[in-house]
Protein backbone atom coordinates (compact mmCIF):
# COMPACT_ATOMS: atom_id res chain seq x y z
CA MET A 1 -39.09 47.10 -69.51
CA LYS A 2 -40.53 43.66 -70.67
CA HIS A 3 -44.25 43.93 -70.51
CA VAL A 4 -46.51 41.17 -70.30
CA GLU A 5 -49.85 39.96 -71.46
CA HIS A 6 -51.41 36.79 -71.00
CA PHE A 7 -54.13 34.98 -73.54
CA GLN A 8 -55.87 32.39 -74.59
CA VAL A 9 -55.24 31.88 -77.97
CA ASN A 10 -58.56 32.41 -80.49
CA SER A 11 -60.11 28.96 -82.38
CA HIS A 12 -60.89 31.64 -85.35
CA ASP A 13 -56.74 32.18 -85.36
CA MET A 14 -56.50 28.05 -86.84
CA ASP A 15 -55.64 28.02 -90.61
CA PHE A 16 -56.76 24.31 -92.11
CA ASN A 17 -53.93 22.60 -90.84
CA GLY A 18 -55.23 23.08 -87.36
CA VAL A 19 -52.47 25.22 -86.00
CA ALA A 20 -52.33 29.30 -85.53
CA SER A 21 -51.24 31.14 -88.69
CA ALA A 22 -48.01 32.74 -88.63
CA SER A 23 -49.98 36.59 -88.72
CA SER A 24 -51.79 35.52 -86.01
CA ILE A 25 -48.84 34.86 -83.86
CA LEU A 26 -47.25 38.08 -85.28
CA ARG A 27 -50.72 39.89 -83.93
CA TYR A 28 -50.64 38.59 -80.20
CA LEU A 29 -46.61 40.29 -80.38
CA GLN A 30 -48.06 43.25 -81.98
CA GLU A 31 -51.35 43.72 -79.84
CA THR A 32 -48.65 43.24 -76.43
CA ALA A 33 -46.64 46.01 -77.58
CA ASN A 34 -50.00 48.08 -78.41
CA LEU A 35 -50.78 47.16 -74.47
CA GLN A 36 -47.37 48.48 -73.12
CA HIS A 37 -48.43 51.59 -74.65
CA TYR A 38 -51.84 51.92 -73.97
CA ARG A 39 -51.37 51.26 -70.13
CA ASN A 40 -48.10 53.47 -69.89
CA GLY A 41 -48.41 56.16 -72.61
CA PRO A 42 -48.44 57.38 -75.07
CA THR A 43 -51.17 55.52 -76.56
CA THR A 44 -51.60 55.34 -80.44
CA ASP A 45 -54.38 57.65 -79.77
CA GLU A 46 -52.60 60.14 -78.40
CA LEU A 47 -49.69 60.02 -80.84
CA ARG A 48 -52.10 60.23 -83.25
CA ARG A 49 -53.44 63.81 -82.01
CA GLN A 50 -49.65 64.80 -81.87
CA HIS A 51 -49.50 64.12 -85.64
CA LYS A 52 -47.17 61.04 -85.32
CA ALA A 53 -46.98 57.32 -85.77
CA PHE A 54 -44.73 53.96 -85.49
CA ILE A 55 -44.07 52.52 -88.51
CA VAL A 56 -42.52 49.22 -88.95
CA SER A 57 -39.70 49.04 -91.97
CA LYS A 58 -38.59 45.52 -90.76
CA LEU A 59 -39.06 42.45 -88.70
CA THR A 60 -38.13 38.77 -88.43
CA LEU A 61 -40.63 36.20 -86.92
CA ASN A 62 -39.25 33.11 -85.99
CA ILE A 63 -41.79 30.31 -84.99
CA TYR A 64 -40.49 27.17 -82.83
CA ARG A 65 -44.07 25.30 -82.12
CA PRO A 66 -47.26 25.20 -83.58
CA LEU A 67 -49.87 27.07 -81.28
CA TYR A 68 -53.12 25.96 -80.89
CA SER A 69 -57.10 26.56 -80.52
CA PHE A 70 -57.06 27.70 -76.40
CA ASP A 71 -53.37 27.17 -75.64
CA GLU A 72 -52.82 29.77 -72.86
CA ILE A 73 -49.92 31.39 -73.77
CA THR A 74 -47.84 34.40 -72.25
CA VAL A 75 -46.43 37.79 -74.48
CA GLU A 76 -43.63 39.84 -73.90
CA SER A 77 -42.86 42.69 -75.68
CA TRP A 78 -39.99 45.92 -75.28
CA LEU A 79 -38.43 48.10 -76.41
CA CYS A 80 -34.41 48.27 -76.67
CA LYS A 81 -32.18 51.37 -76.70
CA THR A 82 -32.94 53.27 -79.45
CA ARG A 83 -30.85 54.66 -82.70
CA ALA A 84 -31.53 58.46 -83.29
CA MET A 85 -34.06 57.60 -86.03
CA SER A 86 -35.07 53.78 -85.51
CA PHE A 87 -36.35 52.17 -82.50
CA LEU A 88 -36.00 48.06 -81.63
CA ARG A 89 -38.78 46.34 -80.69
CA CYS A 90 -38.05 42.80 -79.26
CA GLY A 91 -41.35 40.15 -78.66
CA ARG A 92 -41.64 36.56 -77.14
CA VAL A 93 -44.53 34.18 -77.02
CA LEU A 94 -44.41 31.35 -74.68
CA ARG A 95 -46.69 28.31 -73.47
CA ASP A 96 -45.77 26.76 -70.41
CA GLY A 97 -42.74 28.40 -69.97
CA GLN A 98 -41.19 27.67 -73.04
CA PRO A 99 -40.60 29.85 -75.83
CA VAL A 100 -42.69 29.45 -79.12
CA ALA A 101 -41.88 32.37 -81.12
CA GLU A 102 -39.58 35.28 -80.80
CA LEU A 103 -39.57 38.37 -83.01
CA THR A 104 -37.22 41.15 -83.80
CA SER A 105 -39.02 44.51 -85.49
CA GLN A 106 -37.83 48.24 -86.60
CA TRP A 107 -39.67 51.02 -86.63
CA ALA A 108 -39.66 54.42 -87.29
CA LEU A 109 -41.49 57.40 -86.17
CA VAL A 110 -43.13 59.90 -88.49
CA ASP A 111 -45.06 63.33 -88.61
CA THR A 112 -47.79 61.79 -90.14
CA ARG A 113 -48.20 65.32 -92.14
CA ASN A 114 -45.81 65.12 -94.28
CA HIS A 115 -44.18 61.75 -93.72
CA LYS A 116 -40.60 63.07 -92.40
CA LEU A 117 -38.59 60.94 -89.50
CA LEU A 118 -39.01 61.99 -86.44
CA ARG A 119 -35.46 61.43 -84.04
CA ALA A 120 -36.18 59.07 -81.40
CA ASP A 121 -35.84 61.81 -78.48
CA ASP A 122 -39.11 63.41 -79.89
CA ILE A 123 -41.02 61.27 -78.45
CA LYS A 124 -41.38 60.84 -74.54
CA LEU A 125 -42.60 57.13 -73.63
CA GLY A 126 -43.96 55.89 -70.21
CA PHE A 127 -41.69 52.93 -69.71
CA GLY A 128 -38.10 51.65 -70.17
CA TYR A 129 -36.01 49.86 -72.41
CA ASP A 130 -34.66 46.06 -72.09
CA GLU A 131 -31.86 44.08 -73.64
CA PRO A 132 -32.28 43.03 -77.09
CA LEU A 133 -33.18 39.29 -78.19
CA GLU A 134 -30.26 37.44 -79.82
CA MET A 135 -31.31 36.70 -82.85
CA GLU A 136 -30.22 37.62 -85.85
CA LEU A 137 -31.14 40.62 -87.68
CA PRO A 138 -32.60 41.27 -90.83
CA PRO A 139 -29.84 41.67 -93.76
CA ARG A 140 -29.61 45.12 -95.34
CA ILE A 141 -30.45 43.19 -99.05
CA LEU A 142 -33.08 40.85 -98.32
CA ILE A 143 -33.54 39.17 -101.85
CA PRO A 144 -30.33 38.76 -103.46
CA GLN A 145 -30.31 40.38 -107.74
CA ASN A 146 -29.58 36.56 -108.65
CA ILE A 147 -33.38 35.79 -107.06
CA VAL A 148 -35.57 35.78 -110.41
CA LEU A 149 -39.35 36.74 -109.40
CA ALA A 150 -42.03 36.01 -111.53
CA LEU A 151 -45.14 37.39 -111.72
CA ALA A 152 -47.75 34.92 -109.29
CA GLY A 153 -50.58 37.32 -109.25
CA GLU A 154 -52.40 40.69 -108.47
CA HIS A 155 -54.26 41.62 -105.01
CA THR A 156 -56.81 44.62 -104.44
CA VAL A 157 -56.34 45.65 -100.96
CA SER A 158 -59.61 45.02 -99.45
CA TYR A 159 -61.31 46.38 -96.25
CA ALA A 160 -60.57 43.22 -94.20
CA GLU A 161 -56.93 44.39 -94.34
CA VAL A 162 -56.44 48.04 -93.85
CA ASP A 163 -56.32 49.83 -90.31
CA VAL A 164 -57.67 53.34 -89.00
CA ASN A 165 -54.96 54.78 -91.45
CA LYS A 166 -56.80 52.71 -94.37
CA HIS A 167 -53.07 51.17 -95.34
CA MET A 168 -52.13 47.15 -95.60
CA ASN A 169 -52.00 46.90 -91.82
CA ASN A 170 -48.15 45.10 -91.72
CA THR A 171 -49.34 42.04 -89.63
CA ARG A 172 -51.86 41.15 -93.00
CA TYR A 173 -48.82 40.42 -95.41
CA LEU A 174 -48.16 36.90 -93.92
CA ASP A 175 -51.56 36.07 -94.79
CA LEU A 176 -51.22 37.39 -98.52
CA PHE A 177 -47.94 35.54 -99.08
CA CYS A 178 -48.92 32.11 -98.03
CA SER A 179 -51.78 33.10 -100.01
CA TYR A 180 -49.28 32.55 -102.87
CA ILE A 181 -47.23 29.76 -101.89
CA PRO A 182 -48.12 26.89 -104.23
CA SER A 183 -49.43 24.36 -100.95
CA MET A 184 -49.48 25.59 -97.09
CA GLU A 185 -50.81 21.49 -97.05
CA GLY A 186 -49.58 19.73 -93.55
CA LYS A 187 -46.71 22.99 -93.61
CA THR A 188 -46.34 25.75 -91.37
CA VAL A 189 -44.40 28.71 -91.11
CA VAL A 190 -41.09 28.48 -89.01
CA SER A 191 -39.27 31.88 -90.22
CA ALA A 192 -40.50 35.20 -92.07
CA THR A 193 -38.78 38.39 -92.49
CA ILE A 194 -40.17 41.10 -93.89
CA PHE A 195 -38.99 44.45 -95.47
CA TYR A 196 -41.96 47.05 -95.48
CA GLN A 197 -40.95 49.85 -98.29
CA SER A 198 -44.59 51.64 -99.03
CA GLU A 199 -47.74 51.61 -98.13
CA ALA A 200 -50.73 49.90 -99.99
CA PRO A 201 -54.24 51.91 -99.39
CA LEU A 202 -57.28 50.74 -99.42
CA GLY A 203 -58.50 49.76 -103.53
CA GLU A 204 -55.14 49.74 -104.68
CA VAL A 205 -53.77 46.47 -107.00
CA ILE A 206 -50.96 45.23 -106.17
CA ARG A 207 -48.82 42.95 -108.18
CA VAL A 208 -47.38 39.73 -106.10
CA TYR A 209 -43.98 38.41 -107.80
CA ARG A 210 -42.28 35.06 -105.82
CA SER A 211 -39.70 32.58 -106.04
CA CYS A 212 -39.99 29.12 -104.91
CA ASN A 213 -36.94 27.48 -103.16
CA GLU A 214 -39.58 24.12 -103.13
CA LEU A 215 -36.65 21.65 -102.24
CA ASP A 216 -35.70 24.04 -99.14
CA ASP A 217 -39.27 25.25 -98.76
CA ILE A 218 -37.97 28.75 -98.74
CA TYR A 219 -40.42 31.69 -100.91
CA SER A 220 -39.50 35.28 -101.91
CA PHE A 221 -41.96 37.86 -102.52
CA ARG A 222 -41.81 41.36 -103.96
CA THR A 223 -44.99 43.44 -104.20
CA LEU A 224 -45.09 46.62 -106.38
CA ARG A 225 -47.77 49.07 -106.11
CA ALA A 226 -49.54 50.34 -109.29
CA GLY A 227 -47.24 52.74 -109.61
CA GLY A 228 -44.01 50.18 -110.12
CA ALA A 229 -42.90 51.57 -106.53
CA VAL A 230 -41.94 48.20 -104.10
CA ASN A 231 -44.55 47.94 -101.51
CA ALA A 232 -42.96 45.06 -99.41
CA GLU A 233 -40.29 42.18 -99.65
CA ALA A 234 -40.43 38.95 -97.54
CA VAL A 235 -38.44 35.78 -97.59
CA ILE A 236 -40.80 33.09 -95.78
CA ARG A 237 -39.33 29.31 -94.82
CA LEU A 238 -41.74 26.32 -94.01
CA ASP A 239 -41.08 23.01 -92.22
CA ASP A 240 -43.71 20.38 -92.45
CA LEU A 241 -45.97 19.91 -89.71
CA ASP A 242 -44.95 16.75 -88.11
CA THR A 243 -41.17 17.53 -88.03
CA VAL A 244 -41.73 20.65 -85.83
């Protein structure tokens, strides 16, 4: 069952190019997913009281057209038929009936006390399923071994980036990665795939590694936590704003 919400794009979502950032588009999609739970159950608070939480493991966001301040948008979000231990959630942003962005994301239901995976039938949803988008799913291996990543910098997880669990919110990673792209001047994100592998808590210093294919405007990232564990990987593709 598709859940539909209507928004007016917030002017504070604009980047210095005057278009909505990729992270803000992802937030509209995830807010719509949250509202589906809020309006139909179970809510995230109800799940928290049951010691359960949805954790995203990977996503692909395709952006076809830029969004601007005060655009009126329709956002759809829906769950697809689940596997035993995995939930596929899709989403779409439309302006004037035309698709602006599409999302596929994979989620796990976990026990917050011991971080063990729960089965899909361990939760009773107040809404049904719908068919998946015809988007290419993320590959099993995001960054091939022949891609050399160099240290681009270090980042301390801050108050502005974390959620109520005091871990970096998954929508904030796009801002982090774009901050380590050499130049976003006149550029916009048209595709982003992110693998989330371990959570980055408030105050932790993570190392950001990067590989640039500037000819094709493709950037690969890997972030490592203090002990060396992989925090996240991403591949982001840009395009010139005047060609989108």
